[in-house]
Amino acid sequence: MLNNIETFSFFSSEINPYQNIYLQEEIERHPKYSTVHVMQELTERDVEFIVQEDIVKKQCKVLHIAQNKMTSACASILANAFNKNDNIMVIK
């Protein structure tokens, strides 16, 4: 029975859309090629969202994340994004 619950939990999190309304609204306000300030504790899903929306789609030039707490997994996601995308000029 526990395996069914674990499996359901895994699949339901894959189906559910990203849900950080504050971060989504902030990113929607960023114009293309802008400076991006993110001032909150970031989860891995937050960082993946920032990478996709701000770095890939909007091609931000400056990403200001100095005041944030993040895990090594979050840092790894950012590092991979920067390695694959040369649009960003400064990380603060």
PDB file of N, CA and C in Angstrom:
ATOM      1  N   MET A   1       0.812  -1.200   0.000  1.00  0.00           N
ATOM      2  CA  MET A   1       0.000   0.000   0.000  1.00  0.00           C
ATOM      3  C   MET A   1       0.857   1.267   0.000  1.00  0.00           C
ATOM      4  N   LEU A   2       1.943   1.269   0.752  1.00  0.00           N
ATOM      5  CA  LEU A   2       2.814   2.435   0.821  1.00  0.00           C
ATOM      6  C   LEU A   2       3.402   2.771  -0.545  1.00  0.00           C
ATOM      7  N   ASN A   3       3.744   1.749  -1.329  1.00  0.00           N
ATOM      8  CA  ASN A   3       4.293   2.002  -2.663  1.00  0.00           C
ATOM      9  C   ASN A   3       3.294   2.722  -3.555  1.00  0.00           C
ATOM     10  N   ASN A   4       2.015   2.375  -3.435  1.00  0.00           N
ATOM     11  CA  ASN A   4       0.996   3.063  -4.228  1.00  0.00           C
ATOM     12  C   ASN A   4       0.892   4.532  -3.836  1.00  0.00           C
ATOM     13  N   ILE A   5       0.981   4.825  -2.561  1.00  0.00           N
ATOM     14  CA  ILE A   5       0.918   6.212  -2.090  1.00  0.00           C
ATOM     15  C   ILE A   5       2.133   6.984  -2.581  1.00  0.00           C
ATOM     16  N   GLU A   6       3.312   6.389  -2.466  1.00  0.00           N
ATOM     17  CA  GLU A   6       4.525   7.050  -2.945  1.00  0.00           C
ATOM     18  C   GLU A   6       4.451   7.298  -4.439  1.00  0.00           C
ATOM     19  N   THR A   7       3.972   6.311  -5.197  1.00  0.00           N
ATOM     20  CA  THR A   7       3.856   6.461  -6.645  1.00  0.00           C
ATOM     21  C   THR A   7       2.878   7.566  -6.997  1.00  0.00           C
ATOM     22  N   PHE A   8       1.712   7.585  -6.317  1.00  0.00           N
ATOM     23  CA  PHE A   8       0.729   8.631  -6.569  1.00  0.00           C
ATOM     24  C   PHE A   8       1.303  10.010  -6.265  1.00  0.00           C
ATOM     25  N   SER A   9       1.998  10.131  -5.137  1.00  0.00           N
ATOM     26  CA  SER A   9       2.597  11.399  -4.749  1.00  0.00           C
ATOM     27  C   SER A   9       3.595  11.866  -5.800  1.00  0.00           C
ATOM     28  N   PHE A  10       4.417  10.954  -6.295  1.00  0.00           N
ATOM     29  CA  PHE A  10       5.417  11.300  -7.307  1.00  0.00           C
ATOM     30  C   PHE A  10       4.734  11.811  -8.573  1.00  0.00           C
ATOM     31  N   PHE A  11       3.736  11.060  -9.058  1.00  0.00           N
ATOM     32  CA  PHE A  11       3.084  11.450 -10.295  1.00  0.00           C
ATOM     33  C   PHE A  11       2.233  12.699 -10.141  1.00  0.00           C
ATOM     34  N   SER A  12       1.591  12.891  -9.005  1.00  0.00           N
ATOM     35  CA  SER A  12       0.765  14.083  -8.837  1.00  0.00           C
ATOM     36  C   SER A  12       1.622  15.348  -8.805  1.00  0.00           C
ATOM     37  N   SER A  13       2.846  15.273  -8.254  1.00  0.00           N
ATOM     38  CA  SER A  13       3.714  16.452  -8.262  1.00  0.00           C
ATOM     39  C   SER A  13       4.217  16.758  -9.665  1.00  0.00           C
ATOM     40  N   GLU A  14       4.337  15.728 -10.514  1.00  0.00           N
ATOM     41  CA  GLU A  14       4.757  15.952 -11.890  1.00  0.00           C
ATOM     42  C   GLU A  14       3.639  16.609 -12.700  1.00  0.00           C
ATOM     43  N   ILE A  15       2.394  16.305 -12.356  1.00  0.00           N
ATOM     44  CA  ILE A  15       1.249  16.837 -13.090  1.00  0.00           C
ATOM     45  C   ILE A  15       0.932  18.260 -12.660  1.00  0.00           C
ATOM     46  N   ASN A  16       1.071  18.563 -11.385  1.00  0.00           N
ATOM     47  CA  ASN A  16       0.734  19.886 -10.877  1.00  0.00           C
ATOM     48  C   ASN A  16       1.631  20.950 -11.483  1.00  0.00           C
ATOM     49  N   PRO A  17       1.056  22.045 -11.926  1.00  0.00           N
ATOM     50  CA  PRO A  17       1.880  23.122 -12.484  1.00  0.00           C
ATOM     51  C   PRO A  17       2.676  23.840 -11.395  1.00  0.00           C
ATOM     52  N   TYR A  18       3.668  24.577 -11.837  1.00  0.00           N
ATOM     53  CA  TYR A  18       4.486  25.362 -10.920  1.00  0.00           C
ATOM     54  C   TYR A  18       3.597  26.339 -10.158  1.00  0.00           C
ATOM     55  N   GLN A  19       3.803  26.458  -8.835  1.00  0.00           N
ATOM     56  CA  GLN A  19       2.940  27.319  -8.032  1.00  0.00           C
ATOM     57  C   GLN A  19       3.736  28.154  -7.039  1.00  0.00           C
ATOM     58  N   ASN A  20       4.251  29.273  -7.478  1.00  0.00           N
ATOM     59  CA  ASN A  20       4.799  30.293  -6.597  1.00  0.00           C
ATOM     60  C   ASN A  20       4.291  31.603  -7.183  1.00  0.00           C
ATOM     61  N   ILE A  21       3.106  31.975  -6.775  1.00  0.00           N
ATOM     62  CA  ILE A  21       2.404  33.122  -7.364  1.00  0.00           C
ATOM     63  C   ILE A  21       3.243  34.395  -7.282  1.00  0.00           C
ATOM     64  N   TYR A  22       3.881  34.640  -6.143  1.00  0.00           N
ATOM     65  CA  TYR A  22       4.701  35.841  -5.975  1.00  0.00           C
ATOM     66  C   TYR A  22       5.812  35.883  -7.025  1.00  0.00           C
ATOM     67  N   LEU A  23       6.541  34.785  -7.172  1.00  0.00           N
ATOM     68  CA  LEU A  23       7.642  34.748  -8.135  1.00  0.00           C
ATOM     69  C   LEU A  23       7.122  34.832  -9.568  1.00  0.00           C
ATOM     70  N   GLN A  24       6.030  34.167  -9.855  1.00  0.00           N
ATOM     71  CA  GLN A  24       5.444  34.236 -11.197  1.00  0.00           C
ATOM     72  C   GLN A  24       5.061  35.674 -11.553  1.00  0.00           C
ATOM     73  N   GLU A  25       4.439  36.379 -10.622  1.00  0.00           N
ATOM     74  CA  GLU A  25       4.044  37.766 -10.877  1.00  0.00           C
ATOM     75  C   GLU A  25       5.259  38.669 -11.057  1.00  0.00           C
ATOM     76  N   GLU A  26       6.278  38.454 -10.238  1.00  0.00           N
ATOM     77  CA  GLU A  26       7.509  39.245 -10.374  1.00  0.00           C
ATOM     78  C   GLU A  26       8.139  39.038 -11.748  1.00  0.00           C
ATOM     79  N   ILE A  27       8.241  37.813 -12.173  1.00  0.00           N
ATOM     80  CA  ILE A  27       8.883  37.505 -13.461  1.00  0.00           C
ATOM     81  C   ILE A  27       8.055  38.034 -14.624  1.00  0.00           C
ATOM     82  N   GLU A  28       6.739  38.006 -14.508  1.00  0.00           N
ATOM     83  CA  GLU A  28       5.887  38.566 -15.566  1.00  0.00           C
ATOM     84  C   GLU A  28       6.164  40.047 -15.776  1.00  0.00           C
ATOM     85  N   ARG A  29       6.550  40.761 -14.734  1.00  0.00           N
ATOM     86  CA  ARG A  29       6.822  42.201 -14.840  1.00  0.00           C
ATOM     87  C   ARG A  29       8.183  42.507 -15.475  1.00  0.00           C
ATOM     88  N   HIS A  30       9.058  41.529 -15.536  1.00  0.00           N
ATOM     89  CA  HIS A  30      10.400  41.783 -16.091  1.00  0.00           C
ATOM     90  C   HIS A  30      10.336  41.907 -17.611  1.00  0.00           C
ATOM     91  N   PRO A  31      10.806  43.017 -18.153  1.00  0.00           N
ATOM     92  CA  PRO A  31      10.880  43.118 -19.610  1.00  0.00           C
ATOM     93  C   PRO A  31      12.042  42.275 -20.146  1.00  0.00           C
ATOM     94  N   LYS A  32      12.019  42.008 -21.408  1.00  0.00           N
ATOM     95  CA  LYS A  32      13.099  41.254 -22.050  1.00  0.00           C
ATOM     96  C   LYS A  32      14.416  42.014 -21.901  1.00  0.00           C
ATOM     97  N   TYR A  33      15.515  41.291 -21.724  1.00  0.00           N
ATOM     98  CA  TYR A  33      16.879  41.837 -21.582  1.00  0.00           C
ATOM     99  C   TYR A  33      17.056  42.699 -20.328  1.00  0.00           C
ATOM    100  N   SER A  34      16.312  42.453 -19.287  1.00  0.00           N
ATOM    101  CA  SER A  34      16.341  43.313 -18.109  1.00  0.00           C
ATOM    102  C   SER A  34      17.288  42.806 -17.026  1.00  0.00           C
ATOM    103  N   THR A  35      17.386  43.602 -15.965  1.00  0.00           N
ATOM    104  CA  THR A  35      18.056  43.201 -14.741  1.00  0.00           C
ATOM    105  C   THR A  35      17.005  42.567 -13.851  1.00  0.00           C
ATOM    106  N   VAL A  36      17.303  41.400 -13.332  1.00  0.00           N
ATOM    107  CA  VAL A  36      16.343  40.655 -12.537  1.00  0.00           C
ATOM    108  C   VAL A  36      16.823  40.577 -11.094  1.00  0.00           C
ATOM    109  N   HIS A  37      15.974  41.025 -10.176  1.00  0.00           N
ATOM    110  CA  HIS A  37      16.240  40.934  -8.739  1.00  0.00           C
ATOM    111  C   HIS A  37      15.279  39.914  -8.150  1.00  0.00           C
ATOM    112  N   VAL A  38      15.824  38.891  -7.533  1.00  0.00           N
ATOM    113  CA  VAL A  38      14.997  37.879  -6.871  1.00  0.00           C
ATOM    114  C   VAL A  38      15.398  37.880  -5.407  1.00  0.00           C
ATOM    115  N   MET A  39      14.431  38.205  -4.540  1.00  0.00           N
ATOM    116  CA  MET A  39      14.714  38.368  -3.120  1.00  0.00           C
ATOM    117  C   MET A  39      13.830  37.446  -2.288  1.00  0.00           C
ATOM    118  N   GLN A  40      14.088  36.164  -2.328  1.00  0.00           N
ATOM    119  CA  GLN A  40      13.350  35.213  -1.500  1.00  0.00           C
ATOM    120  C   GLN A  40      14.142  33.919  -1.420  1.00  0.00           C
ATOM    121  N   GLU A  41      13.771  33.058  -0.499  1.00  0.00           N
ATOM    122  CA  GLU A  41      14.397  31.745  -0.421  1.00  0.00           C
ATOM    123  C   GLU A  41      13.920  30.941  -1.620  1.00  0.00           C
ATOM    124  N   LEU A  42      14.851  30.367  -2.350  1.00  0.00           N
ATOM    125  CA  LEU A  42      14.506  29.697  -3.598  1.00  0.00           C
ATOM    126  C   LEU A  42      14.534  28.179  -3.466  1.00  0.00           C
ATOM    127  N   THR A  43      13.512  27.544  -4.026  1.00  0.00           N
ATOM    128  CA  THR A  43      13.493  26.087  -4.123  1.00  0.00           C
ATOM    129  C   THR A  43      14.052  25.694  -5.485  1.00  0.00           C
ATOM    130  N   GLU A  44      14.246  24.408  -5.684  1.00  0.00           N
ATOM    131  CA  GLU A  44      14.723  23.938  -6.980  1.00  0.00           C
ATOM    132  C   GLU A  44      13.719  24.276  -8.080  1.00  0.00           C
ATOM    133  N   ARG A  45      12.438  24.135  -7.791  1.00  0.00           N
ATOM    134  CA  ARG A  45      11.411  24.478  -8.793  1.00  0.00           C
ATOM    135  C   ARG A  45      11.422  25.964  -9.102  1.00  0.00           C
ATOM    136  N   ASP A  46      11.681  26.813  -8.086  1.00  0.00           N
ATOM    137  CA  ASP A  46      11.786  28.255  -8.316  1.00  0.00           C
ATOM    138  C   ASP A  46      12.935  28.553  -9.279  1.00  0.00           C
ATOM    139  N   VAL A  47      14.079  27.945  -9.018  1.00  0.00           N
ATOM    140  CA  VAL A  47      15.258  28.198  -9.852  1.00  0.00           C
ATOM    141  C   VAL A  47      15.023  27.701 -11.277  1.00  0.00           C
ATOM    142  N   GLU A  48      14.414  26.539 -11.420  1.00  0.00           N
ATOM    143  CA  GLU A  48      14.095  26.044 -12.765  1.00  0.00           C
ATOM    144  C   GLU A  48      13.165  27.016 -13.489  1.00  0.00           C
ATOM    145  N   PHE A  49      12.205  27.576 -12.762  1.00  0.00           N
ATOM    146  CA  PHE A  49      11.274  28.552 -13.335  1.00  0.00           C
ATOM    147  C   PHE A  49      12.018  29.823 -13.747  1.00  0.00           C
ATOM    148  N   ILE A  50      12.901  30.313 -12.895  1.00  0.00           N
ATOM    149  CA  ILE A  50      13.697  31.508 -13.215  1.00  0.00           C
ATOM    150  C   ILE A  50      14.556  31.258 -14.444  1.00  0.00           C
ATOM    151  N   VAL A  51      15.186  30.112 -14.501  1.00  0.00           N
ATOM    152  CA  VAL A  51      16.023  29.776 -15.659  1.00  0.00           C
ATOM    153  C   VAL A  51      15.184  29.799 -16.925  1.00  0.00           C
ATOM    154  N   GLN A  52      14.053  29.119 -16.913  1.00  0.00           N
ATOM    155  CA  GLN A  52      13.229  29.034 -18.113  1.00  0.00           C
ATOM    156  C   GLN A  52      12.645  30.386 -18.514  1.00  0.00           C
ATOM    157  N   GLU A  53      12.077  31.094 -17.570  1.00  0.00           N
ATOM    158  CA  GLU A  53      11.367  32.330 -17.897  1.00  0.00           C
ATOM    159  C   GLU A  53      12.276  33.542 -18.068  1.00  0.00           C
ATOM    160  N   ASP A  54      13.224  33.742 -17.144  1.00  0.00           N
ATOM    161  CA  ASP A  54      14.059  34.953 -17.185  1.00  0.00           C
ATOM    162  C   ASP A  54      15.326  34.770 -18.013  1.00  0.00           C
ATOM    163  N   ILE A  55      15.992  33.654 -17.859  1.00  0.00           N
ATOM    164  CA  ILE A  55      17.268  33.484 -18.553  1.00  0.00           C
ATOM    165  C   ILE A  55      17.055  33.030 -19.994  1.00  0.00           C
ATOM    166  N   VAL A  56      16.215  32.028 -20.209  1.00  0.00           N
ATOM    167  CA  VAL A  56      16.017  31.496 -21.567  1.00  0.00           C
ATOM    168  C   VAL A  56      15.060  32.371 -22.378  1.00  0.00           C
ATOM    169  N   LYS A  57      13.838  32.568 -21.884  1.00  0.00           N
ATOM    170  CA  LYS A  57      12.828  33.290 -22.671  1.00  0.00           C
ATOM    171  C   LYS A  57      13.069  34.793 -22.749  1.00  0.00           C
ATOM    172  N   LYS A  58      13.352  35.424 -21.603  1.00  0.00           N
ATOM    173  CA  LYS A  58      13.475  36.885 -21.579  1.00  0.00           C
ATOM    174  C   LYS A  58      14.925  37.363 -21.701  1.00  0.00           C
ATOM    175  N   GLN A  59      15.858  36.433 -21.710  1.00  0.00           N
ATOM    176  CA  GLN A  59      17.282  36.726 -21.912  1.00  0.00           C
ATOM    177  C   GLN A  59      17.777  37.859 -21.020  1.00  0.00           C
ATOM    178  N   CYS A  60      17.529  37.723 -19.730  1.00  0.00           N
ATOM    179  CA  CYS A  60      17.970  38.770 -18.799  1.00  0.00           C
ATOM    180  C   CYS A  60      19.481  38.937 -18.889  1.00  0.00           C
ATOM    181  N   LYS A  61      19.937  40.140 -18.655  1.00  0.00           N
ATOM    182  CA  LYS A  61      21.364  40.452 -18.748  1.00  0.00           C
ATOM    183  C   LYS A  61      22.046  40.434 -17.393  1.00  0.00           C
ATOM    184  N   VAL A  62      21.302  40.740 -16.323  1.00  0.00           N
ATOM    185  CA  VAL A  62      21.846  40.741 -14.968  1.00  0.00           C
ATOM    186  C   VAL A  62      20.883  39.963 -14.077  1.00  0.00           C
ATOM    187  N   LEU A  63      21.415  39.011 -13.326  1.00  0.00           N
ATOM    188  CA  LEU A  63      20.619  38.251 -12.371  1.00  0.00           C
ATOM    189  C   LEU A  63      21.153  38.541 -10.985  1.00  0.00           C
ATOM    190  N   HIS A  64      20.343  39.220 -10.180  1.00  0.00           N
ATOM    191  CA  HIS A  64      20.755  39.616  -8.834  1.00  0.00           C
ATOM    192  C   HIS A  64      20.118  38.657  -7.838  1.00  0.00           C
ATOM    193  N   ILE A  65      20.933  37.736  -7.288  1.00  0.00           N
ATOM    194  CA  ILE A  65      20.440  36.710  -6.364  1.00  0.00           C
ATOM    195  C   ILE A  65      21.265  36.659  -5.078  1.00  0.00           C
ATOM    196  N   ALA A  66      22.050  37.681  -4.816  1.00  0.00           N
ATOM    197  CA  ALA A  66      22.999  37.675  -3.695  1.00  0.00           C
ATOM    198  C   ALA A  66      22.340  37.507  -2.338  1.00  0.00           C
ATOM    199  N   GLN A  67      21.145  37.979  -2.148  1.00  0.00           N
ATOM    200  CA  GLN A  67      20.473  37.939  -0.845  1.00  0.00           C
ATOM    201  C   GLN A  67      19.683  36.647  -0.623  1.00  0.00           C
ATOM    202  N   ASN A  68      19.781  35.696  -1.532  1.00  0.00           N
ATOM    203  CA  ASN A  68      18.971  34.485  -1.469  1.00  0.00           C
ATOM    204  C   ASN A  68      19.689  33.325  -0.819  1.00  0.00           C
ATOM    205  N   LYS A  69      18.906  32.496  -0.155  1.00  0.00           N
ATOM    206  CA  LYS A  69      19.398  31.222   0.339  1.00  0.00           C
ATOM    207  C   LYS A  69      18.969  30.174  -0.669  1.00  0.00           C
ATOM    208  N   MET A  70      19.915  29.305  -1.052  1.00  0.00           N
ATOM    209  CA  MET A  70      19.559  28.235  -1.970  1.00  0.00           C
ATOM    210  C   MET A  70      20.437  27.025  -1.717  1.00  0.00           C
ATOM    211  N   THR A  71      19.956  25.895  -2.140  1.00  0.00           N
ATOM    212  CA  THR A  71      20.680  24.642  -1.952  1.00  0.00           C
ATOM    213  C   THR A  71      21.748  24.485  -3.027  1.00  0.00           C
ATOM    214  N   SER A  72      22.607  23.506  -2.838  1.00  0.00           N
ATOM    215  CA  SER A  72      23.616  23.212  -3.857  1.00  0.00           C
ATOM    216  C   SER A  72      22.947  22.737  -5.145  1.00  0.00           C
ATOM    217  N   ALA A  73      21.793  22.082  -5.028  1.00  0.00           N
ATOM    218  CA  ALA A  73      21.063  21.661  -6.228  1.00  0.00           C
ATOM    219  C   ALA A  73      20.599  22.873  -7.026  1.00  0.00           C
ATOM    220  N   CYS A  74      20.152  23.917  -6.332  1.00  0.00           N
ATOM    221  CA  CYS A  74      19.753  25.163  -7.009  1.00  0.00           C
ATOM    222  C   CYS A  74      20.947  25.802  -7.713  1.00  0.00           C
ATOM    223  N   ALA A  75      22.077  25.826  -7.037  1.00  0.00           N
ATOM    224  CA  ALA A  75      23.292  26.393  -7.632  1.00  0.00           C
ATOM    225  C   ALA A  75      23.701  25.600  -8.868  1.00  0.00           C
ATOM    226  N   SER A  76      23.533  24.298  -8.809  1.00  0.00           N
ATOM    227  CA  SER A  76      23.864  23.440  -9.954  1.00  0.00           C
ATOM    228  C   SER A  76      22.947  23.728 -11.143  1.00  0.00           C
ATOM    229  N   ILE A  77      21.665  23.926 -10.885  1.00  0.00           N
ATOM    230  CA  ILE A  77      20.718  24.262 -11.952  1.00  0.00           C
ATOM    231  C   ILE A  77      21.128  25.571 -12.617  1.00  0.00           C
ATOM    232  N   LEU A  78      21.483  26.571 -11.810  1.00  0.00           N
ATOM    233  CA  LEU A  78      21.933  27.852 -12.364  1.00  0.00           C
ATOM    234  C   LEU A  78      23.223  27.696 -13.160  1.00  0.00           C
ATOM    235  N   ALA A  79      24.160  26.946 -12.616  1.00  0.00           N
ATOM    236  CA  ALA A  79      25.439  26.743 -13.308  1.00  0.00           C
ATOM    237  C   ALA A  79      25.227  26.099 -14.675  1.00  0.00           C
ATOM    238  N   ASN A  80      24.361  25.108 -14.743  1.00  0.00           N
ATOM    239  CA  ASN A  80      24.066  24.465 -16.027  1.00  0.00           C
ATOM    240  C   ASN A  80      23.421  25.441 -17.000  1.00  0.00           C
ATOM    241  N   ALA A  81      22.535  26.280 -16.493  1.00  0.00           N
ATOM    242  CA  ALA A  81      21.881  27.266 -17.355  1.00  0.00           C
ATOM    243  C   ALA A  81      22.889  28.270 -17.907  1.00  0.00           C
ATOM    244  N   PHE A  82      23.803  28.727 -17.052  1.00  0.00           N
ATOM    245  CA  PHE A  82      24.801  29.699 -17.502  1.00  0.00           C
ATOM    246  C   PHE A  82      25.771  29.072 -18.491  1.00  0.00           C
ATOM    247  N   ASN A  83      26.057  27.804 -18.303  1.00  0.00           N
ATOM    248  CA  ASN A  83      26.958  27.094 -19.209  1.00  0.00           C
ATOM    249  C   ASN A  83      26.350  26.962 -20.605  1.00  0.00           C
ATOM    250  N   LYS A  84      25.039  26.829 -20.678  1.00  0.00           N
ATOM    251  CA  LYS A  84      24.341  26.632 -21.949  1.00  0.00           C
ATOM    252  C   LYS A  84      23.853  27.927 -22.574  1.00  0.00           C
ATOM    253  N   ASN A  85      23.920  29.043 -21.852  1.00  0.00           N
ATOM    254  CA  ASN A  85      23.316  30.283 -22.310  1.00  0.00           C
ATOM    255  C   ASN A  85      24.282  31.434 -22.059  1.00  0.00           C
ATOM    256  N   ASP A  86      24.743  32.057 -23.114  1.00  0.00           N
ATOM    257  CA  ASP A  86      25.718  33.143 -22.956  1.00  0.00           C
ATOM    258  C   ASP A  86      25.085  34.533 -22.998  1.00  0.00           C
ATOM    259  N   ASN A  87      23.769  34.622 -22.868  1.00  0.00           N
ATOM    260  CA  ASN A  87      23.094  35.925 -22.872  1.00  0.00           C
ATOM    261  C   ASN A  87      23.338  36.714 -21.591  1.00  0.00           C
ATOM    262  N   ILE A  88      23.423  36.013 -20.486  1.00  0.00           N
ATOM    263  CA  ILE A  88      23.549  36.704 -19.190  1.00  0.00           C
ATOM    264  C   ILE A  88      24.961  37.264 -19.044  1.00  0.00           C
ATOM    265  N   MET A  89      25.053  38.479 -18.589  1.00  0.00           N
ATOM    266  CA  MET A  89      26.341  39.160 -18.489  1.00  0.00           C
ATOM    267  C   MET A  89      26.883  39.213 -17.064  1.00  0.00           C
ATOM    268  N   VAL A  90      25.998  39.394 -16.082  1.00  0.00           N
ATOM    269  CA  VAL A  90      26.444  39.585 -14.699  1.00  0.00           C
ATOM    270  C   VAL A  90      25.534  38.786 -13.764  1.00  0.00           C
ATOM    271  N   ILE A  91      26.162  38.159 -12.769  1.00  0.00           N
ATOM    272  CA  ILE A  91      25.425  37.500 -11.697  1.00  0.00           C
ATOM    273  C   ILE A  91      25.894  38.165 -10.414  1.00  0.00           C
ATOM    274  N   LYS A  92      24.959  38.697  -9.644  1.00  0.00           N
ATOM    275  CA  LYS A  92      25.323  39.377  -8.399  1.00  0.00           C
ATOM    276  C   LYS A  92      24.761  38.606  -7.229  1.00  0.00           C
TER     277      LYS A  92
END
